[in-house]
Protein backbone atom coordinates (compact mmCIF):
# COMPACT_ATOMS: atom_id res chain seq x y z
CA UNK A 1 -14.40 -6.55 26.98
CA UNK A 2 -13.15 -2.95 26.90
CA UNK A 3 -11.29 -3.34 23.63
CA UNK A 4 -12.71 -1.05 20.94
CA UNK A 5 -10.69 -2.10 17.92
CA UNK A 6 -9.22 -5.20 16.34
CA UNK A 7 -6.46 -5.45 13.80
CA UNK A 8 -4.43 -7.89 11.78
CA UNK A 9 -1.12 -7.48 9.99
CA UNK A 10 0.36 -9.33 7.02
CA UNK A 11 3.46 -8.68 4.93
CA UNK A 12 2.92 -8.69 1.16
CA UNK A 13 5.58 -9.27 -1.49
CA UNK A 14 4.17 -6.29 -3.36
CA UNK A 15 5.06 -2.55 -3.39
CA UNK A 16 2.83 -0.29 -1.27
CA UNK A 17 1.63 1.68 -4.32
CA UNK A 18 0.19 -1.48 -5.89
CA UNK A 19 -1.58 -2.48 -2.65
CA UNK A 20 -2.95 1.04 -2.26
CA UNK A 21 -4.26 1.05 -5.85
CA UNK A 22 -6.29 -2.10 -5.12
CA UNK A 23 -7.73 -0.58 -1.93
CA UNK A 24 -8.58 2.69 -3.69
CA UNK A 25 -10.65 0.80 -6.27
CA UNK A 26 -14.09 0.17 -4.74
CA UNK A 27 -14.82 -2.52 -7.35
CA UNK A 28 -12.26 -4.76 -5.60
CA UNK A 29 -13.82 -4.52 -2.14
CA UNK A 30 -16.18 -7.49 -2.55
CA UNK A 31 -13.21 -9.70 -3.46
CA UNK A 32 -11.19 -8.35 -0.51
CA UNK A 33 -13.95 -8.75 2.09
CA UNK A 34 -13.23 -11.54 4.54
CA UNK A 35 -16.80 -11.76 5.87
CA UNK A 36 -18.56 -12.44 2.57
CA UNK A 37 -21.05 -9.65 3.31
CA UNK A 38 -19.89 -7.21 0.60
CA UNK A 39 -21.58 -8.19 -2.65
CA UNK A 40 -20.49 -5.48 -5.06
CA UNK A 41 -19.64 -1.82 -5.31
CA UNK A 42 -22.45 0.48 -6.37
CA UNK A 43 -19.78 3.06 -7.25
CA UNK A 44 -16.88 2.53 -9.62
CA UNK A 45 -14.97 5.79 -9.13
CA UNK A 46 -11.53 5.34 -7.52
CA UNK A 47 -11.14 6.75 -4.01
CA UNK A 48 -9.09 9.92 -4.32
CA UNK A 49 -10.09 12.34 -1.55
CA UNK A 50 -11.15 12.62 2.07
CA UNK A 51 -14.92 13.07 2.27
CA UNK A 52 -15.60 11.04 -0.87
CA UNK A 53 -18.73 8.88 -0.62
CA UNK A 54 -18.98 5.38 -2.07
CA UNK A 55 -21.68 2.75 -1.66
CA UNK A 56 -21.55 -1.03 -1.33
CA UNK A 57 -24.30 -3.57 -1.88
CA UNK A 58 -24.31 -6.03 1.01
CA UNK A 59 -25.93 -9.24 2.17
CA UNK A 60 -26.11 -10.55 5.73
CA UNK A 61 -28.60 -13.21 6.83
CA UNK A 62 -28.86 -11.48 10.23
CA UNK A 63 -29.75 -8.09 8.73
CA UNK A 64 -33.49 -7.27 8.81
CA UNK A 65 -33.51 -6.81 5.02
CA UNK A 66 -30.94 -9.47 4.11
CA UNK A 67 -29.83 -7.41 1.10
CA UNK A 68 -28.97 -3.83 1.97
CA UNK A 69 -26.64 -1.02 0.98
CA UNK A 70 -24.05 0.81 3.05
CA UNK A 71 -22.65 4.26 2.46
CA UNK A 72 -18.95 4.77 3.10
CA UNK A 73 -17.14 8.05 3.59
CA UNK A 74 -13.38 8.28 3.08
CA UNK A 75 -12.03 9.48 6.41
CA UNK A 76 -8.28 9.25 5.83
CA UNK A 77 -6.34 9.09 2.58
CA UNK A 78 -2.57 9.41 2.28
CA UNK A 79 -1.40 7.48 -0.80
CA UNK A 80 0.28 5.01 -0.65
CA UNK A 81 0.38 4.83 3.16
CA UNK A 82 -3.12 5.01 4.64
CA UNK A 83 -6.72 4.66 3.52
CA UNK A 84 -9.77 4.37 5.72
CA UNK A 85 -13.51 4.91 5.65
CA UNK A 86 -16.50 5.23 7.93
CA UNK A 87 -19.52 3.04 7.21
CA UNK A 88 -23.13 4.17 7.52
CA UNK A 89 -26.51 4.35 5.86
CA UNK A 90 -28.54 6.64 3.64
CA UNK A 91 -31.58 7.74 5.62
CA UNK A 92 -33.65 8.07 2.45
CA UNK A 93 -34.12 11.82 2.77
CA UNK A 94 -30.68 12.83 1.58
CA UNK A 95 -29.09 12.49 5.04
CA UNK A 96 -26.22 10.09 5.53
CA UNK A 97 -25.71 8.66 9.00
CA UNK A 98 -22.45 7.03 10.02
CA UNK A 99 -22.38 4.54 12.87
CA UNK A 100 -18.96 5.45 14.23
CA UNK A 101 -16.91 2.47 13.04
CA UNK A 102 -14.00 2.80 10.66
CA UNK A 103 -12.07 0.43 8.42
CA UNK A 104 -8.44 1.51 8.08
CA UNK A 105 -5.50 0.08 6.16
CA UNK A 106 -1.98 1.22 7.09
CA UNK A 107 0.71 0.33 4.55
CA UNK A 108 4.37 0.36 5.57
CA UNK A 109 7.00 -0.36 2.92
CA UNK A 110 9.56 -2.80 4.30
CA UNK A 111 11.60 -2.93 1.09
CA UNK A 112 11.25 -1.92 -2.56
CA UNK A 113 8.83 -4.77 -3.26
CA UNK A 114 7.45 -5.57 0.19
CA UNK A 115 4.73 -3.96 2.28
CA UNK A 116 3.45 -4.59 5.77
CA UNK A 117 -0.32 -4.05 5.76
CA UNK A 118 -2.33 -3.57 8.95
CA UNK A 119 -6.11 -3.69 8.74
CA UNK A 120 -7.89 -2.10 11.72
CA UNK A 121 -11.59 -2.17 12.51
CA UNK A 122 -12.24 0.51 15.16
CA UNK A 123 -15.63 1.01 16.82
CA UNK A 124 -14.51 3.37 19.60
CA UNK A 125 -16.77 6.18 18.29
CA UNK A 126 -19.94 4.05 18.09
CA UNK A 127 -22.72 5.54 20.26
CA UNK A 128 -24.30 3.39 22.95
CA UNK A 129 -27.68 3.08 21.22
CA UNK A 130 -25.98 1.34 18.28
CA UNK A 131 -23.85 -0.81 20.59
CA UNK A 132 -27.10 -1.94 22.24
CA UNK A 133 -28.32 -3.24 18.83
CA UNK A 134 -25.07 -4.58 17.38
CA UNK A 135 -22.43 -6.58 19.19
CA UNK A 136 -18.92 -5.32 18.40
CA UNK A 137 -17.06 -6.53 16.58
CA UNK A 138 -19.83 -8.19 14.53
CA UNK A 139 -17.40 -10.83 13.18
CA UNK A 140 -14.50 -12.91 14.43
CA UNK A 141 -10.84 -11.83 14.09
CA UNK A 142 -10.27 -14.42 11.35
CA UNK A 143 -12.25 -12.21 8.97
CA UNK A 144 -9.58 -9.50 9.12
CA UNK A 145 -6.78 -11.92 8.27
CA UNK A 146 -8.98 -13.42 5.51
CA UNK A 147 -9.39 -9.91 4.07
CA UNK A 148 -5.63 -9.37 4.12
CA UNK A 149 -4.99 -12.67 2.34
CA UNK A 150 -7.59 -11.75 -0.31
CA UNK A 151 -5.98 -8.31 -0.71
CA UNK A 152 -2.53 -9.89 -1.11
CA UNK A 153 -3.85 -12.16 -3.87
CA UNK A 154 -5.49 -9.25 -5.70
CA UNK A 155 -2.39 -7.05 -5.41
CA UNK A 156 -0.04 -9.78 -6.67
CA UNK A 157 1.44 -8.82 -10.06
CA UNK A 158 -0.19 -11.74 -11.88
CA UNK A 159 -3.63 -10.74 -10.56
CA UNK A 160 -3.31 -7.13 -11.77
CA UNK A 161 -1.74 -7.80 -15.16
């Protein structure tokens, strides 16, 4: 398979600004995650700028440590239209290493209270030595649509009231 990204799209009955606010809040990411791997945010500061670092506590039975932490770096941020981040690890000596995959949400208003949201997982920049260790994508496509459904629920007016 030569494909190096997967995406899913869902239309929400919610304004783009509300959807973006949920995505920019790292404390919501565990509830959004369609894989069940994200456990909780280690950082509570809203995402407001490119280059911002935020960490997530994770669990995956196939990971050598089971419980682990990832470091994310905001790569693109254009409120309320686009937000995306690279995922990597802290090397323990102050160096952060990013694996080359990015999570990106594109929000397109389709009306005053409706937004088309596309979630893309792109691994085109992953070096071969990482591809040799990890099969890409490391989850099925249903996990992206699950994430979008979770995001829609969280962004719904009743959920944010």
